[in-house]
């Protein structure tokens, strides 16, 4: 197990809620990059594949990321004085990406392009 401060960024056009990564749940995120709230001190298993689920506020459907997600030790930044941050980025095509940082990770290049396209 490894601890992170955890952030979600939602690049879809709807609120999402009931996020779960391998059964560890938390709240949700508003559309178009929203979700900068931090869940402090969450514990996750290294390795993968990780299973990410969330619910779509428009349909109520539970969605599962269609791509493989991994938490790899070599991707986690070293030298943090506190727990590192892990960010789940959720995209409109039902894929997701995990990034890490010593502070809140910024939008990914793909996420930034989506935000720019929608004037955010």
N, C-alpha and C. Protein backbone atom coordinates (compact mmCIF):
# COMPACT_ATOMS: atom_id res chain seq x y z
N UNK A 1 0.85 -1.19 0.00
CA UNK A 1 0.00 0.00 0.00
C UNK A 1 0.89 1.25 0.00
N UNK A 2 0.38 2.28 -0.64
CA UNK A 2 1.08 3.56 -0.68
C UNK A 2 0.05 4.67 -0.48
N UNK A 3 0.46 5.72 0.21
CA UNK A 3 -0.44 6.82 0.49
C UNK A 3 -0.25 7.98 -0.47
N UNK A 4 -1.37 8.61 -0.81
CA UNK A 4 -1.36 9.79 -1.67
C UNK A 4 -2.40 10.78 -1.17
N UNK A 5 -2.19 12.05 -1.48
CA UNK A 5 -3.27 13.01 -1.48
C UNK A 5 -3.87 12.83 -2.87
N UNK A 6 -5.18 12.79 -2.97
CA UNK A 6 -5.83 12.34 -4.19
C UNK A 6 -6.72 13.43 -4.78
N UNK A 7 -6.61 13.65 -6.10
CA UNK A 7 -7.37 14.67 -6.81
C UNK A 7 -7.99 14.03 -8.06
N UNK A 8 -9.18 14.48 -8.45
CA UNK A 8 -9.80 14.04 -9.69
C UNK A 8 -10.03 15.24 -10.60
N UNK A 9 -9.76 15.08 -11.88
CA UNK A 9 -10.10 16.10 -12.88
C UNK A 9 -11.01 15.45 -13.90
N UNK A 10 -12.17 16.05 -14.08
CA UNK A 10 -13.21 15.53 -14.97
C UNK A 10 -13.26 16.41 -16.22
N UNK A 11 -12.93 15.84 -17.38
CA UNK A 11 -12.95 16.59 -18.63
C UNK A 11 -14.20 16.30 -19.46
N UNK A 12 -15.20 15.65 -18.86
CA UNK A 12 -16.45 15.40 -19.57
C UNK A 12 -17.38 16.59 -19.44
N UNK A 13 -18.54 16.50 -20.07
CA UNK A 13 -19.49 17.62 -20.02
C UNK A 13 -20.55 17.45 -18.93
N UNK A 14 -20.37 16.46 -18.04
CA UNK A 14 -21.34 16.22 -16.96
C UNK A 14 -20.62 16.01 -15.64
N UNK A 15 -21.34 16.31 -14.55
CA UNK A 15 -20.83 15.97 -13.23
C UNK A 15 -20.65 14.46 -13.15
N UNK A 16 -19.65 14.05 -12.41
CA UNK A 16 -19.49 12.63 -12.11
C UNK A 16 -19.46 12.48 -10.60
N UNK A 17 -19.86 11.31 -10.13
CA UNK A 17 -19.89 11.08 -8.69
C UNK A 17 -19.65 9.61 -8.41
N UNK A 18 -19.51 9.27 -7.14
CA UNK A 18 -19.24 7.91 -6.69
C UNK A 18 -18.04 7.29 -7.40
N UNK A 19 -16.95 8.02 -7.46
CA UNK A 19 -15.72 7.49 -8.03
C UNK A 19 -15.18 6.39 -7.15
N UNK A 20 -14.63 5.35 -7.76
CA UNK A 20 -13.99 4.27 -7.02
C UNK A 20 -12.78 3.79 -7.80
N UNK A 21 -11.66 3.65 -7.11
CA UNK A 21 -10.47 3.04 -7.68
C UNK A 21 -10.20 1.80 -6.85
N UNK A 22 -10.41 0.64 -7.47
CA UNK A 22 -10.28 -0.65 -6.77
C UNK A 22 -11.07 -0.69 -5.47
N UNK A 23 -12.29 -0.16 -5.52
CA UNK A 23 -13.18 -0.23 -4.37
C UNK A 23 -13.00 0.88 -3.36
N UNK A 24 -11.95 1.70 -3.48
CA UNK A 24 -11.77 2.85 -2.59
C UNK A 24 -12.58 3.99 -3.18
N UNK A 25 -13.58 4.46 -2.47
CA UNK A 25 -14.47 5.46 -3.03
C UNK A 25 -14.28 6.84 -2.46
N UNK A 26 -14.73 7.81 -3.21
CA UNK A 26 -14.76 9.21 -2.78
C UNK A 26 -15.84 9.91 -3.58
N UNK A 27 -15.94 11.19 -3.45
CA UNK A 27 -17.07 11.94 -4.02
C UNK A 27 -16.99 12.02 -5.53
N UNK A 28 -16.98 13.18 -6.10
CA UNK A 28 -17.03 13.32 -7.55
C UNK A 28 -16.32 14.56 -8.02
N UNK A 29 -16.70 15.00 -9.23
CA UNK A 29 -16.05 16.17 -9.82
C UNK A 29 -17.00 16.82 -10.81
N UNK A 30 -17.04 18.16 -10.83
CA UNK A 30 -17.85 18.86 -11.82
C UNK A 30 -17.21 18.76 -13.21
N UNK A 31 -17.94 19.15 -14.26
CA UNK A 31 -17.43 19.01 -15.63
C UNK A 31 -16.28 19.95 -15.96
N UNK A 32 -15.63 19.63 -17.07
CA UNK A 32 -14.59 20.45 -17.70
C UNK A 32 -13.46 20.86 -16.76
N UNK A 33 -12.77 19.85 -16.25
CA UNK A 33 -11.56 20.08 -15.46
C UNK A 33 -11.80 20.25 -13.99
N UNK A 34 -13.06 20.26 -13.59
CA UNK A 34 -13.38 20.47 -12.19
C UNK A 34 -12.99 19.29 -11.34
N UNK A 35 -12.91 19.55 -10.06
CA UNK A 35 -12.62 18.48 -9.11
C UNK A 35 -11.29 18.68 -8.44
N UNK A 36 -10.93 19.91 -8.15
CA UNK A 36 -9.63 20.16 -7.55
C UNK A 36 -9.60 19.93 -6.05
N UNK A 37 -10.72 19.48 -5.47
CA UNK A 37 -10.72 19.15 -4.06
C UNK A 37 -9.77 17.99 -3.81
N UNK A 38 -9.13 17.96 -2.67
CA UNK A 38 -8.13 16.95 -2.37
C UNK A 38 -8.65 16.02 -1.28
N UNK A 39 -8.58 14.72 -1.54
CA UNK A 39 -8.86 13.70 -0.52
C UNK A 39 -7.50 13.38 0.12
N UNK A 40 -7.36 13.70 1.38
CA UNK A 40 -6.06 13.59 2.04
C UNK A 40 -5.78 12.17 2.51
N UNK A 41 -4.56 11.70 2.28
CA UNK A 41 -4.07 10.46 2.86
C UNK A 41 -4.78 9.19 2.42
N UNK A 42 -5.13 9.08 1.16
CA UNK A 42 -5.77 7.86 0.65
C UNK A 42 -4.71 6.79 0.40
N UNK A 43 -5.07 5.54 0.64
CA UNK A 43 -4.16 4.41 0.47
C UNK A 43 -4.54 3.59 -0.76
N UNK A 44 -3.54 3.23 -1.57
CA UNK A 44 -3.77 2.46 -2.78
C UNK A 44 -2.70 1.39 -2.92
N UNK A 45 -3.03 0.32 -3.63
CA UNK A 45 -2.10 -0.76 -3.93
C UNK A 45 -1.23 -0.38 -5.12
N UNK A 46 0.04 -0.69 -5.05
CA UNK A 46 0.92 -0.52 -6.20
C UNK A 46 0.61 -1.60 -7.23
N UNK A 47 0.93 -1.32 -8.47
CA UNK A 47 0.73 -2.31 -9.53
C UNK A 47 -0.52 -2.02 -10.32
N UNK A 48 -1.10 -3.09 -10.77
CA UNK A 48 -2.30 -2.91 -11.58
C UNK A 48 -2.68 -4.22 -12.20
N UNK A 49 -3.63 -4.22 -13.04
CA UNK A 49 -4.37 -3.03 -13.45
C UNK A 49 -5.32 -2.56 -12.35
N UNK A 50 -5.53 -1.27 -12.31
CA UNK A 50 -6.47 -0.65 -11.38
C UNK A 50 -7.84 -0.56 -12.07
N UNK A 51 -8.90 -0.72 -11.33
CA UNK A 51 -10.24 -0.61 -11.90
C UNK A 51 -10.86 0.69 -11.41
N UNK A 52 -11.15 1.59 -12.35
CA UNK A 52 -11.73 2.89 -12.04
C UNK A 52 -13.18 2.90 -12.51
N UNK A 53 -14.08 3.23 -11.57
CA UNK A 53 -15.52 3.34 -11.87
C UNK A 53 -16.00 4.70 -11.42
N UNK A 54 -17.04 5.21 -12.08
CA UNK A 54 -17.69 6.44 -11.67
C UNK A 54 -19.11 6.42 -12.20
N UNK A 55 -19.95 7.29 -11.65
CA UNK A 55 -21.33 7.41 -12.13
C UNK A 55 -21.50 8.73 -12.85
N UNK A 56 -22.24 8.68 -13.94
CA UNK A 56 -22.56 9.83 -14.77
C UNK A 56 -23.81 10.48 -14.20
N UNK A 57 -23.75 11.78 -13.92
CA UNK A 57 -24.90 12.45 -13.31
C UNK A 57 -26.07 12.59 -14.27
N UNK A 58 -25.80 12.60 -15.57
CA UNK A 58 -26.89 12.75 -16.54
C UNK A 58 -27.73 11.50 -16.69
N UNK A 59 -27.06 10.34 -16.71
CA UNK A 59 -27.78 9.08 -16.94
C UNK A 59 -27.89 8.23 -15.69
N UNK A 60 -27.02 8.47 -14.72
CA UNK A 60 -26.97 7.62 -13.53
C UNK A 60 -26.21 6.32 -13.76
N UNK A 61 -25.73 6.13 -15.00
CA UNK A 61 -25.02 4.89 -15.33
C UNK A 61 -23.66 4.84 -14.64
N UNK A 62 -23.27 3.64 -14.23
CA UNK A 62 -21.93 3.42 -13.72
C UNK A 62 -21.02 3.11 -14.91
N UNK A 63 -19.95 3.87 -15.02
CA UNK A 63 -19.00 3.71 -16.12
C UNK A 63 -17.68 3.17 -15.58
N UNK A 64 -16.99 2.42 -16.39
CA UNK A 64 -15.68 1.86 -16.04
C UNK A 64 -14.69 2.32 -17.09
N UNK A 65 -13.53 2.79 -16.65
CA UNK A 65 -12.49 3.22 -17.60
C UNK A 65 -12.17 2.06 -18.53
N UNK A 66 -12.13 2.36 -19.83
CA UNK A 66 -11.92 1.32 -20.82
C UNK A 66 -10.44 1.03 -21.07
N UNK A 67 -9.54 1.83 -20.53
CA UNK A 67 -8.11 1.58 -20.68
C UNK A 67 -7.53 1.06 -19.38
N UNK A 68 -6.34 0.48 -19.45
CA UNK A 68 -5.65 -0.05 -18.29
C UNK A 68 -4.96 1.07 -17.52
N UNK A 69 -5.10 1.05 -16.20
CA UNK A 69 -4.45 2.02 -15.32
C UNK A 69 -3.55 1.28 -14.35
N UNK A 70 -2.39 1.85 -14.08
CA UNK A 70 -1.42 1.23 -13.17
C UNK A 70 -0.88 2.29 -12.22
N UNK A 71 -0.59 1.89 -11.00
CA UNK A 71 0.12 2.73 -10.04
C UNK A 71 1.51 2.11 -9.91
N UNK A 72 2.49 2.73 -10.58
CA UNK A 72 3.85 2.20 -10.62
C UNK A 72 4.77 3.06 -9.76
N UNK A 73 5.55 2.40 -8.96
CA UNK A 73 6.45 3.11 -8.05
C UNK A 73 7.39 4.05 -8.81
N UNK A 74 7.84 3.64 -10.00
CA UNK A 74 8.79 4.47 -10.75
C UNK A 74 8.16 5.77 -11.25
N UNK A 75 6.83 5.88 -11.28
CA UNK A 75 6.15 7.09 -11.73
C UNK A 75 5.92 8.10 -10.60
N UNK A 76 6.08 7.66 -9.37
CA UNK A 76 5.76 8.49 -8.21
C UNK A 76 6.95 9.38 -7.88
N UNK A 77 6.74 10.70 -7.75
CA UNK A 77 7.87 11.60 -7.47
C UNK A 77 8.51 11.31 -6.12
N UNK A 78 9.81 11.44 -6.10
CA UNK A 78 10.59 11.22 -4.87
C UNK A 78 10.88 12.56 -4.22
N UNK A 79 11.17 12.53 -2.94
CA UNK A 79 11.61 13.73 -2.25
C UNK A 79 10.50 14.57 -1.65
N UNK A 80 9.28 14.05 -1.60
CA UNK A 80 8.18 14.81 -1.02
C UNK A 80 8.34 14.89 0.50
N UNK A 81 8.08 16.06 1.07
CA UNK A 81 8.11 16.21 2.53
C UNK A 81 6.80 15.71 3.14
N UNK A 82 5.76 15.65 2.31
CA UNK A 82 4.49 15.06 2.72
C UNK A 82 4.14 14.02 1.66
N UNK A 83 2.97 13.43 1.76
CA UNK A 83 2.55 12.46 0.76
C UNK A 83 2.50 13.11 -0.62
N UNK A 84 2.89 12.37 -1.67
CA UNK A 84 2.74 12.91 -3.02
C UNK A 84 1.26 12.96 -3.40
N UNK A 85 0.97 13.68 -4.47
CA UNK A 85 -0.39 13.78 -5.00
C UNK A 85 -0.55 12.83 -6.18
N UNK A 86 -1.71 12.20 -6.25
CA UNK A 86 -2.10 11.40 -7.39
C UNK A 86 -3.36 12.02 -7.96
N UNK A 87 -3.41 12.17 -9.28
CA UNK A 87 -4.58 12.76 -9.92
C UNK A 87 -5.11 11.80 -10.97
N UNK A 88 -6.41 11.54 -10.92
CA UNK A 88 -7.10 10.77 -11.95
C UNK A 88 -7.74 11.77 -12.90
N UNK A 89 -7.44 11.65 -14.18
CA UNK A 89 -7.99 12.51 -15.22
C UNK A 89 -8.99 11.66 -16.00
N UNK A 90 -10.26 12.07 -16.03
CA UNK A 90 -11.32 11.31 -16.70
C UNK A 90 -11.73 12.05 -17.98
N UNK A 91 -11.68 11.32 -19.10
CA UNK A 91 -11.92 11.90 -20.42
C UNK A 91 -13.28 11.50 -20.99
N UNK A 92 -13.79 12.27 -21.96
CA UNK A 92 -15.12 12.01 -22.52
C UNK A 92 -15.27 10.65 -23.20
N UNK A 93 -14.17 10.04 -23.65
CA UNK A 93 -14.27 8.75 -24.33
C UNK A 93 -14.22 7.57 -23.37
N UNK A 94 -14.42 7.83 -22.08
CA UNK A 94 -14.47 6.84 -21.02
C UNK A 94 -13.09 6.23 -20.73
N UNK A 95 -12.02 6.97 -21.07
CA UNK A 95 -10.68 6.57 -20.68
C UNK A 95 -10.23 7.47 -19.54
N UNK A 96 -9.14 7.09 -18.91
CA UNK A 96 -8.61 7.86 -17.78
C UNK A 96 -7.09 7.79 -17.80
N UNK A 97 -6.49 8.68 -17.04
CA UNK A 97 -5.04 8.73 -16.93
C UNK A 97 -4.68 9.07 -15.49
N UNK A 98 -3.60 8.51 -14.99
CA UNK A 98 -3.10 8.82 -13.65
C UNK A 98 -1.82 9.63 -13.79
N UNK A 99 -1.75 10.77 -13.10
CA UNK A 99 -0.51 11.53 -13.02
C UNK A 99 -0.19 11.78 -11.55
N UNK A 100 1.05 12.18 -11.29
CA UNK A 100 1.53 12.37 -9.92
C UNK A 100 2.26 13.70 -9.82
N UNK A 101 2.36 14.22 -8.61
CA UNK A 101 3.12 15.44 -8.40
C UNK A 101 3.42 15.65 -6.93
N UNK A 102 4.32 16.58 -6.66
CA UNK A 102 4.62 16.95 -5.27
C UNK A 102 3.59 17.94 -4.76
N UNK A 103 2.82 18.51 -5.67
CA UNK A 103 1.65 19.34 -5.37
C UNK A 103 0.54 18.88 -6.29
N UNK A 104 -0.56 19.61 -6.32
CA UNK A 104 -1.69 19.21 -7.17
C UNK A 104 -1.25 19.16 -8.63
N UNK A 105 -1.33 17.99 -9.27
CA UNK A 105 -0.92 17.90 -10.68
C UNK A 105 -1.80 18.75 -11.58
N UNK A 106 -1.19 19.41 -12.57
CA UNK A 106 -1.95 20.23 -13.50
C UNK A 106 -2.73 19.36 -14.48
N UNK A 107 -3.60 19.97 -15.30
CA UNK A 107 -4.26 19.20 -16.36
C UNK A 107 -3.20 18.56 -17.26
N UNK A 108 -3.54 17.43 -17.82
CA UNK A 108 -2.67 16.78 -18.80
C UNK A 108 -2.74 17.58 -20.10
N UNK A 109 -1.81 17.36 -21.03
CA UNK A 109 -1.93 18.02 -22.34
C UNK A 109 -3.27 17.73 -23.01
N UNK A 110 -3.72 16.49 -22.92
CA UNK A 110 -5.02 16.14 -23.51
C UNK A 110 -6.15 16.89 -22.80
N UNK A 111 -6.11 16.94 -21.47
CA UNK A 111 -7.12 17.66 -20.71
C UNK A 111 -7.10 19.15 -21.00
N UNK A 112 -5.91 19.73 -21.11
CA UNK A 112 -5.80 21.16 -21.42
C UNK A 112 -6.41 21.47 -22.78
N UNK A 113 -6.23 20.57 -23.76
CA UNK A 113 -6.82 20.77 -25.08
C UNK A 113 -8.35 20.73 -25.01
N UNK A 114 -8.90 19.84 -24.20
CA UNK A 114 -10.36 19.76 -24.03
C UNK A 114 -10.87 21.04 -23.37
N UNK A 115 -10.18 21.51 -22.34
CA UNK A 115 -10.59 22.74 -21.66
C UNK A 115 -10.54 23.93 -22.61
N UNK A 116 -9.49 24.03 -23.41
CA UNK A 116 -9.36 25.12 -24.37
C UNK A 116 -10.48 25.09 -25.39
N UNK A 117 -10.80 23.88 -25.88
CA UNK A 117 -11.88 23.71 -26.87
C UNK A 117 -13.23 24.20 -26.33
N UNK A 118 -13.42 24.05 -25.01
CA UNK A 118 -14.70 24.43 -24.41
C UNK A 118 -14.64 25.77 -23.68
N UNK A 119 -13.56 26.52 -23.92
CA UNK A 119 -13.47 27.87 -23.36
C UNK A 119 -13.26 27.92 -21.88
N UNK A 120 -12.72 26.90 -21.31
CA UNK A 120 -12.49 26.86 -19.87
C UNK A 120 -11.09 27.34 -19.53
